[in-house]
Every structure is written in C-alpha cells, then in structure tokens.
Amino acid sequence: MTTYINQAKGKAIKGPGLKAPGIVVIQFLFIFIVESIDYLIEKVGILTGIALILFTIAGIVLGRTGTALTNAINPPIAFFFSTLFVMSLFGGAGLHPTRIGLDLVTAMSSIAPYLIVSAIIGWVGYFLKRNK
C-alpha cells in the first residue's frame, strides 16, 4: 500500500504552473459548469458564489508567478460571459436584450458579495506573488 502512495507522490505534476490563457480557460470552464448546474437547480446563487471564490484561489495556487494579475481580473469577467451563455441557453428567453439584461442584473446582484470577496482574494494573491 505504501509503495503505491510513494509512486503517486513521484508522479505529481512538475513545472512552473499554468500560463495566463490556461487560467482564463480553466476559470471560465469551471465557472460555466457550476453556474449551469446552479441555474438548473435554482437561479444563480450560493453554489456559483462559492465556486467563484474557490476558482480564484485555485488560479493563485496553479498559476505561474507572472499570472497573478490575470487571476485577479478574470473571475468577474468569466462570470459575466458565463452568465450570458447560461441565460441564453437555459433561460428560456433566447437572446432578447431586455430579458437577458434583467436576468443579468439579477444574477450579478445575487453574486455581488462573492464577487467582492473573490476580487479581494485575487488582488491579495496578486500582491503576494508580485512581492515574492
């Protein structure tokens, strides 16, 4: 049993981490998946907010040293575009500008505290990685 654990430790991913495009794609993809699940269960809520915070932390941990600024800026932008896709796919309104606009404002306001916490975590991570 311990030999398998030692072999697994030896095969850990080595390298400097994700580049900026990798962070953008990973964060958008996972925010979109979690938001889609959350929207199908109920409207956008706490599950998406927690995912925003977790994927911001994951971007700090998995990213290279020079990608901290991308990680600080990307989660709100990824959430915005993910919300547009989710509303047009699962919202039932299609691409009607008034309906999408109203749903977008509602989704952004329900996630606002999590967006603020995510932004604070992203910027703290940016300043910590920049001063290394």
N, C-alpha and C. Protein backbone atom coordinates (compact mmCIF):
# COMPACT_ATOMS: atom_id res chain seq x y z
N MET A 1 0.83 -1.19 0.00
CA MET A 1 0.00 0.00 0.00
C MET A 1 0.87 1.25 0.00
N THR A 2 1.90 1.26 0.82
CA THR A 2 2.76 2.46 0.89
C THR A 2 3.56 2.64 -0.39
N THR A 3 3.85 1.56 -1.11
CA THR A 3 4.58 1.71 -2.37
C THR A 3 3.74 2.44 -3.40
N TYR A 4 2.43 2.18 -3.41
CA TYR A 4 1.56 2.89 -4.33
C TYR A 4 1.49 4.38 -4.00
N ILE A 5 1.46 4.69 -2.72
CA ILE A 5 1.43 6.10 -2.32
C ILE A 5 2.73 6.78 -2.70
N ASN A 6 3.85 6.11 -2.50
CA ASN A 6 5.14 6.69 -2.88
C ASN A 6 5.25 6.87 -4.39
N GLN A 7 4.70 5.94 -5.17
CA GLN A 7 4.71 6.08 -6.62
C GLN A 7 3.83 7.24 -7.06
N ALA A 8 2.70 7.42 -6.40
CA ALA A 8 1.81 8.53 -6.75
C ALA A 8 2.46 9.87 -6.43
N LYS A 9 3.20 9.94 -5.34
CA LYS A 9 3.88 11.19 -4.99
C LYS A 9 4.97 11.51 -6.01
N GLY A 10 5.62 10.52 -6.55
CA GLY A 10 6.67 10.74 -7.53
C GLY A 10 6.13 11.19 -8.88
N LYS A 11 4.85 10.95 -9.18
CA LYS A 11 4.26 11.31 -10.46
C LYS A 11 3.46 12.61 -10.39
N ALA A 12 3.70 13.41 -9.38
CA ALA A 12 2.99 14.68 -9.28
C ALA A 12 3.39 15.58 -10.44
N ILE A 13 2.49 16.48 -10.79
CA ILE A 13 2.76 17.40 -11.90
C ILE A 13 3.88 18.34 -11.49
N LYS A 14 4.89 18.39 -12.32
CA LYS A 14 6.02 19.26 -12.04
C LYS A 14 6.04 20.36 -13.10
N GLY A 15 6.54 21.49 -12.74
CA GLY A 15 6.62 22.59 -13.68
C GLY A 15 6.24 23.90 -13.01
N PRO A 16 6.35 24.98 -13.77
CA PRO A 16 6.10 26.29 -13.18
C PRO A 16 4.63 26.63 -12.96
N GLY A 17 3.71 25.95 -13.60
CA GLY A 17 2.29 26.24 -13.42
C GLY A 17 1.62 26.68 -14.71
N LEU A 18 0.36 27.08 -14.59
CA LEU A 18 -0.42 27.49 -15.75
C LEU A 18 -0.03 28.88 -16.22
N LYS A 19 -0.09 29.07 -17.53
CA LYS A 19 0.10 30.40 -18.09
C LYS A 19 -1.23 31.15 -18.01
N ALA A 20 -1.22 32.41 -18.38
CA ALA A 20 -2.43 33.25 -18.30
C ALA A 20 -3.60 32.69 -19.11
N PRO A 21 -3.39 32.25 -20.38
CA PRO A 21 -4.53 31.69 -21.11
C PRO A 21 -5.10 30.43 -20.45
N GLY A 22 -4.25 29.65 -19.83
CA GLY A 22 -4.72 28.45 -19.13
C GLY A 22 -5.61 28.79 -17.95
N ILE A 23 -5.22 29.83 -17.21
CA ILE A 23 -6.04 30.26 -16.08
C ILE A 23 -7.40 30.77 -16.56
N VAL A 24 -7.39 31.55 -17.63
CA VAL A 24 -8.64 32.10 -18.17
C VAL A 24 -9.58 30.96 -18.60
N VAL A 25 -9.05 30.00 -19.33
CA VAL A 25 -9.88 28.90 -19.83
C VAL A 25 -10.40 28.03 -18.68
N ILE A 26 -9.54 27.69 -17.76
CA ILE A 26 -9.94 26.84 -16.64
C ILE A 26 -11.00 27.52 -15.79
N GLN A 27 -10.77 28.80 -15.46
CA GLN A 27 -11.75 29.51 -14.63
C GLN A 27 -13.09 29.66 -15.35
N PHE A 28 -13.05 30.03 -16.62
CA PHE A 28 -14.31 30.18 -17.36
C PHE A 28 -15.04 28.85 -17.46
N LEU A 29 -14.33 27.80 -17.79
CA LEU A 29 -14.96 26.49 -17.97
C LEU A 29 -15.63 26.01 -16.69
N PHE A 30 -14.91 26.09 -15.57
CA PHE A 30 -15.48 25.58 -14.33
C PHE A 30 -16.57 26.50 -13.78
N ILE A 31 -16.43 27.80 -13.95
CA ILE A 31 -17.50 28.71 -13.52
C ILE A 31 -18.75 28.44 -14.36
N PHE A 32 -18.58 28.21 -15.65
CA PHE A 32 -19.72 27.92 -16.52
C PHE A 32 -20.41 26.62 -16.12
N ILE A 33 -19.63 25.59 -15.82
CA ILE A 33 -20.22 24.30 -15.43
C ILE A 33 -21.00 24.43 -14.12
N VAL A 34 -20.37 25.05 -13.12
CA VAL A 34 -21.04 25.18 -11.82
C VAL A 34 -22.26 26.10 -11.92
N GLU A 35 -22.14 27.18 -12.68
CA GLU A 35 -23.27 28.09 -12.83
C GLU A 35 -24.42 27.42 -13.59
N SER A 36 -24.10 26.58 -14.56
CA SER A 36 -25.15 25.85 -15.29
C SER A 36 -25.90 24.91 -14.35
N ILE A 37 -25.17 24.19 -13.53
CA ILE A 37 -25.80 23.28 -12.57
C ILE A 37 -26.64 24.07 -11.57
N ASP A 38 -26.07 25.18 -11.08
CA ASP A 38 -26.79 26.01 -10.12
C ASP A 38 -28.04 26.63 -10.74
N TYR A 39 -27.97 27.02 -12.00
CA TYR A 39 -29.13 27.63 -12.66
C TYR A 39 -30.22 26.60 -12.93
N LEU A 40 -29.83 25.36 -13.19
CA LEU A 40 -30.84 24.33 -13.41
C LEU A 40 -31.52 23.93 -12.11
N ILE A 41 -30.80 24.01 -10.98
CA ILE A 41 -31.40 23.69 -9.68
C ILE A 41 -32.30 24.83 -9.22
N GLU A 42 -31.73 26.03 -9.23
CA GLU A 42 -32.46 27.24 -8.88
C GLU A 42 -31.81 28.36 -9.68
N LYS A 43 -32.14 29.57 -9.41
CA LYS A 43 -31.44 30.66 -10.08
C LYS A 43 -30.01 30.72 -9.54
N VAL A 44 -29.19 31.55 -10.13
CA VAL A 44 -27.79 31.65 -9.73
C VAL A 44 -27.73 32.06 -8.26
N GLY A 45 -26.94 31.32 -7.47
CA GLY A 45 -26.92 31.57 -6.04
C GLY A 45 -25.61 31.23 -5.38
N ILE A 46 -25.71 30.64 -4.21
CA ILE A 46 -24.57 30.43 -3.34
C ILE A 46 -23.56 29.45 -3.93
N LEU A 47 -24.02 28.46 -4.66
CA LEU A 47 -23.11 27.47 -5.25
C LEU A 47 -22.16 28.14 -6.24
N THR A 48 -22.67 29.03 -7.05
CA THR A 48 -21.83 29.75 -8.01
C THR A 48 -20.89 30.70 -7.28
N GLY A 49 -21.37 31.34 -6.22
CA GLY A 49 -20.52 32.25 -5.45
C GLY A 49 -19.35 31.54 -4.80
N ILE A 50 -19.60 30.39 -4.22
CA ILE A 50 -18.51 29.61 -3.61
C ILE A 50 -17.55 29.13 -4.68
N ALA A 51 -18.07 28.75 -5.84
CA ALA A 51 -17.20 28.32 -6.94
C ALA A 51 -16.31 29.47 -7.41
N LEU A 52 -16.83 30.68 -7.47
CA LEU A 52 -16.02 31.84 -7.85
C LEU A 52 -14.83 32.00 -6.92
N ILE A 53 -15.10 31.90 -5.62
CA ILE A 53 -14.03 32.06 -4.64
C ILE A 53 -13.03 30.91 -4.75
N LEU A 54 -13.52 29.68 -4.89
CA LEU A 54 -12.62 28.52 -4.98
C LEU A 54 -11.75 28.57 -6.23
N PHE A 55 -12.31 28.99 -7.36
CA PHE A 55 -11.54 29.02 -8.59
C PHE A 55 -10.58 30.20 -8.64
N THR A 56 -10.86 31.24 -7.87
CA THR A 56 -9.87 32.31 -7.72
C THR A 56 -8.68 31.82 -6.93
N ILE A 57 -8.94 31.10 -5.86
CA ILE A 57 -7.85 30.52 -5.06
C ILE A 57 -7.08 29.49 -5.88
N ALA A 58 -7.81 28.68 -6.65
CA ALA A 58 -7.14 27.68 -7.50
C ALA A 58 -6.24 28.36 -8.54
N GLY A 59 -6.67 29.48 -9.08
CA GLY A 59 -5.84 30.22 -10.02
C GLY A 59 -4.57 30.75 -9.39
N ILE A 60 -4.67 31.17 -8.13
CA ILE A 60 -3.48 31.64 -7.42
C ILE A 60 -2.51 30.50 -7.20
N VAL A 61 -3.04 29.35 -6.80
CA VAL A 61 -2.19 28.20 -6.49
C VAL A 61 -1.60 27.59 -7.75
N LEU A 62 -2.39 27.44 -8.81
CA LEU A 62 -1.94 26.74 -10.01
C LEU A 62 -1.20 27.62 -11.01
N GLY A 63 -1.32 28.93 -10.89
CA GLY A 63 -0.74 29.83 -11.87
C GLY A 63 0.74 30.10 -11.64
N ARG A 64 1.39 30.54 -12.69
CA ARG A 64 2.78 30.96 -12.59
C ARG A 64 2.86 32.29 -11.84
N THR A 65 4.08 32.70 -11.57
CA THR A 65 4.28 33.94 -10.84
C THR A 65 3.76 35.15 -11.61
N GLY A 66 3.93 35.22 -12.91
CA GLY A 66 3.51 36.36 -13.70
C GLY A 66 2.03 36.39 -14.05
N THR A 67 1.25 35.41 -13.61
CA THR A 67 -0.16 35.34 -13.98
C THR A 67 -1.09 35.81 -12.89
N ALA A 68 -0.58 36.39 -11.85
CA ALA A 68 -1.42 36.80 -10.73
C ALA A 68 -2.39 37.92 -11.13
N LEU A 69 -1.97 38.81 -12.00
CA LEU A 69 -2.87 39.88 -12.43
C LEU A 69 -4.04 39.32 -13.24
N THR A 70 -3.77 38.37 -14.09
CA THR A 70 -4.84 37.71 -14.85
C THR A 70 -5.82 37.04 -13.91
N ASN A 71 -5.31 36.40 -12.88
CA ASN A 71 -6.16 35.73 -11.92
C ASN A 71 -6.99 36.71 -11.11
N ALA A 72 -6.48 37.89 -10.88
CA ALA A 72 -7.24 38.89 -10.12
C ALA A 72 -8.35 39.51 -10.95
N ILE A 73 -8.14 39.64 -12.25
CA ILE A 73 -9.10 40.33 -13.12
C ILE A 73 -10.13 39.37 -13.73
N ASN A 74 -9.74 38.15 -13.99
CA ASN A 74 -10.57 37.24 -14.80
C ASN A 74 -11.87 36.74 -14.16
N PRO A 75 -11.96 36.39 -12.88
CA PRO A 75 -13.20 35.78 -12.39
C PRO A 75 -14.48 36.59 -12.62
N PRO A 76 -14.51 37.90 -12.38
CA PRO A 76 -15.75 38.62 -12.69
C PRO A 76 -16.08 38.64 -14.18
N ILE A 77 -15.06 38.74 -15.02
CA ILE A 77 -15.29 38.73 -16.48
C ILE A 77 -15.78 37.36 -16.92
N ALA A 78 -15.16 36.30 -16.40
CA ALA A 78 -15.59 34.94 -16.73
C ALA A 78 -17.02 34.70 -16.25
N PHE A 79 -17.37 35.23 -15.08
CA PHE A 79 -18.73 35.08 -14.58
C PHE A 79 -19.72 35.82 -15.47
N PHE A 80 -19.36 37.01 -15.94
CA PHE A 80 -20.24 37.79 -16.80
C PHE A 80 -20.55 37.03 -18.10
N PHE A 81 -19.50 36.55 -18.78
CA PHE A 81 -19.74 35.84 -20.04
C PHE A 81 -20.40 34.49 -19.81
N SER A 82 -20.07 33.84 -18.72
CA SER A 82 -20.72 32.58 -18.39
C SER A 82 -22.21 32.80 -18.13
N THR A 83 -22.54 33.89 -17.46
CA THR A 83 -23.94 34.20 -17.20
C THR A 83 -24.69 34.49 -18.50
N LEU A 84 -24.04 35.19 -19.42
CA LEU A 84 -24.68 35.43 -20.73
C LEU A 84 -24.98 34.12 -21.44
N PHE A 85 -24.02 33.20 -21.43
CA PHE A 85 -24.23 31.90 -22.08
C PHE A 85 -25.32 31.10 -21.37
N VAL A 86 -25.28 31.08 -20.05
CA VAL A 86 -26.26 30.29 -19.29
C VAL A 86 -27.66 30.85 -19.48
N MET A 87 -27.79 32.17 -19.46
CA MET A 87 -29.11 32.78 -19.64
C MET A 87 -29.67 32.52 -21.04
N SER A 88 -28.81 32.56 -22.03
CA SER A 88 -29.30 32.33 -23.39
C SER A 88 -29.57 30.84 -23.65
N LEU A 89 -28.84 29.95 -22.97
CA LEU A 89 -29.05 28.52 -23.18
C LEU A 89 -30.20 27.96 -22.33
N PHE A 90 -30.20 28.29 -21.04
CA PHE A 90 -31.15 27.69 -20.12
C PHE A 90 -32.24 28.65 -19.66
N GLY A 91 -32.12 29.91 -20.00
CA GLY A 91 -33.06 30.91 -19.50
C GLY A 91 -34.43 30.85 -20.14
N GLY A 92 -34.52 30.29 -21.32
CA GLY A 92 -35.80 30.18 -21.98
C GLY A 92 -36.22 31.43 -22.73
N ALA A 93 -35.43 32.48 -22.65
CA ALA A 93 -35.80 33.74 -23.32
C ALA A 93 -35.07 33.92 -24.63
N GLY A 94 -34.15 33.04 -24.93
CA GLY A 94 -33.34 33.22 -26.13
C GLY A 94 -32.39 34.38 -25.96
N LEU A 95 -32.26 35.20 -26.96
CA LEU A 95 -31.35 36.34 -26.90
C LEU A 95 -32.10 37.67 -26.93
N HIS A 96 -33.21 37.77 -26.25
CA HIS A 96 -33.95 39.03 -26.16
C HIS A 96 -33.18 39.97 -25.23
N PRO A 97 -32.77 41.13 -25.72
CA PRO A 97 -31.92 42.02 -24.92
C PRO A 97 -32.54 42.46 -23.59
N THR A 98 -33.83 42.73 -23.57
CA THR A 98 -34.42 43.19 -22.31
C THR A 98 -34.47 42.09 -21.27
N ARG A 99 -34.81 40.90 -21.70
CA ARG A 99 -34.88 39.78 -20.75
C ARG A 99 -33.48 39.38 -20.28
N ILE A 100 -32.53 39.30 -21.18
CA ILE A 100 -31.16 38.96 -20.81
C ILE A 100 -30.60 40.03 -19.87
N GLY A 101 -30.87 41.31 -20.16
CA GLY A 101 -30.37 42.39 -19.31
C GLY A 101 -30.93 42.31 -17.90
N LEU A 102 -32.20 42.04 -17.78
CA LEU A 102 -32.82 41.93 -16.46
C LEU A 102 -32.28 40.72 -15.71
N ASP A 103 -32.17 39.58 -16.38
CA ASP A 103 -31.62 38.38 -15.74
C ASP A 103 -30.16 38.57 -15.37
N LEU A 104 -29.41 39.28 -16.21
CA LEU A 104 -28.00 39.52 -15.93
C LEU A 104 -27.82 40.40 -14.69
N VAL A 105 -28.62 41.45 -14.58
CA VAL A 105 -28.55 42.32 -13.40
C VAL A 105 -28.96 41.55 -12.15
N THR A 106 -29.97 40.71 -12.26
CA THR A 106 -30.40 39.90 -11.12
C THR A 106 -29.31 38.93 -10.69
N ALA A 107 -28.69 38.26 -11.65
CA ALA A 107 -27.62 37.31 -11.33
C ALA A 107 -26.41 38.01 -10.72
N MET A 108 -26.03 39.17 -11.29
CA MET A 108 -24.89 39.90 -10.75
C MET A 108 -25.16 40.40 -9.34
N SER A 109 -26.39 40.82 -9.07
CA SER A 109 -26.69 41.32 -7.73
C SER A 109 -26.75 40.18 -6.71
N SER A 110 -27.15 39.00 -7.12
CA SER A 110 -27.19 37.88 -6.17
C SER A 110 -25.80 37.35 -5.87
N ILE A 111 -24.85 37.58 -6.75
CA ILE A 111 -23.49 37.09 -6.56
C ILE A 111 -22.55 38.21 -6.11
N ALA A 112 -23.03 39.42 -5.95
CA ALA A 112 -22.18 40.57 -5.65
C ALA A 112 -21.26 40.37 -4.44
N PRO A 113 -21.74 39.85 -3.31
CA PRO A 113 -20.80 39.66 -2.18
C PRO A 113 -19.67 38.70 -2.51
N TYR A 114 -20.00 37.65 -3.26
CA TYR A 114 -18.97 36.67 -3.62
C TYR A 114 -17.99 37.25 -4.64
N LEU A 115 -18.48 38.09 -5.53
CA LEU A 115 -17.60 38.77 -6.48
C LEU A 115 -16.62 39.69 -5.76
N ILE A 116 -17.11 40.38 -4.74
CA ILE A 116 -16.23 41.27 -3.97
C ILE A 116 -15.18 40.47 -3.22
N VAL A 117 -15.58 39.39 -2.56
CA VAL A 117 -14.62 38.55 -1.84
C VAL A 117 -13.63 37.92 -2.81
N SER A 118 -14.10 37.47 -3.96
CA SER A 118 -13.23 36.90 -4.98
C SER A 118 -12.22 37.93 -5.48
N ALA A 119 -12.67 39.16 -5.69
CA ALA A 119 -11.76 40.21 -6.14
C ALA A 119 -10.71 40.53 -5.07
N ILE A 120 -11.12 40.58 -3.82
CA ILE A 120 -10.16 40.84 -2.74
C ILE A 120 -9.13 39.73 -2.66
N ILE A 121 -9.59 38.48 -2.74
CA ILE A 121 -8.65 37.35 -2.71
C ILE A 121 -7.71 37.40 -3.90
N GLY A 122 -8.24 37.72 -5.08
CA GLY A 122 -7.40 37.81 -6.28
C GLY A 122 -6.35 38.89 -6.18
N TRP A 123 -6.73 40.05 -5.67
CA TRP A 123 -5.76 41.15 -5.56
C TRP A 123 -4.75 40.90 -4.45
N VAL A 124 -5.16 40.28 -3.35
CA VAL A 124 -4.19 39.91 -2.30
C VAL A 124 -3.20 38.91 -2.86
N GLY A 125 -3.70 37.93 -3.61
CA GLY A 125 -2.81 36.96 -4.26
C GLY A 125 -1.87 37.63 -5.24
N TYR A 126 -2.37 38.63 -5.95
CA TYR A 126 -1.53 39.38 -6.90
C TYR A 126 -0.38 40.08 -6.18
N PHE A 127 -0.69 40.77 -5.09
CA PHE A 127 0.35 41.49 -4.38
C PHE A 127 1.31 40.56 -3.66
N LEU A 128 0.82 39.42 -3.19
CA LEU A 128 1.72 38.46 -2.54
C LEU A 128 2.67 37.81 -3.54
N LYS A 129 2.15 37.43 -4.71
CA LYS A 129 3.01 36.80 -5.72
C LYS A 129 3.94 37.81 -6.37
N ARG A 130 3.52 39.07 -6.46
CA ARG A 130 4.36 40.09 -7.06
C ARG A 130 5.55 40.43 -6.18
N ASN A 131 5.37 40.35 -4.87
CA ASN A 131 6.43 40.71 -3.94
C ASN A 131 7.32 39.54 -3.58
N LYS A 132 7.12 38.39 -4.19
CA LYS A 132 7.98 37.23 -3.92
C LYS A 132 9.35 37.42 -4.49
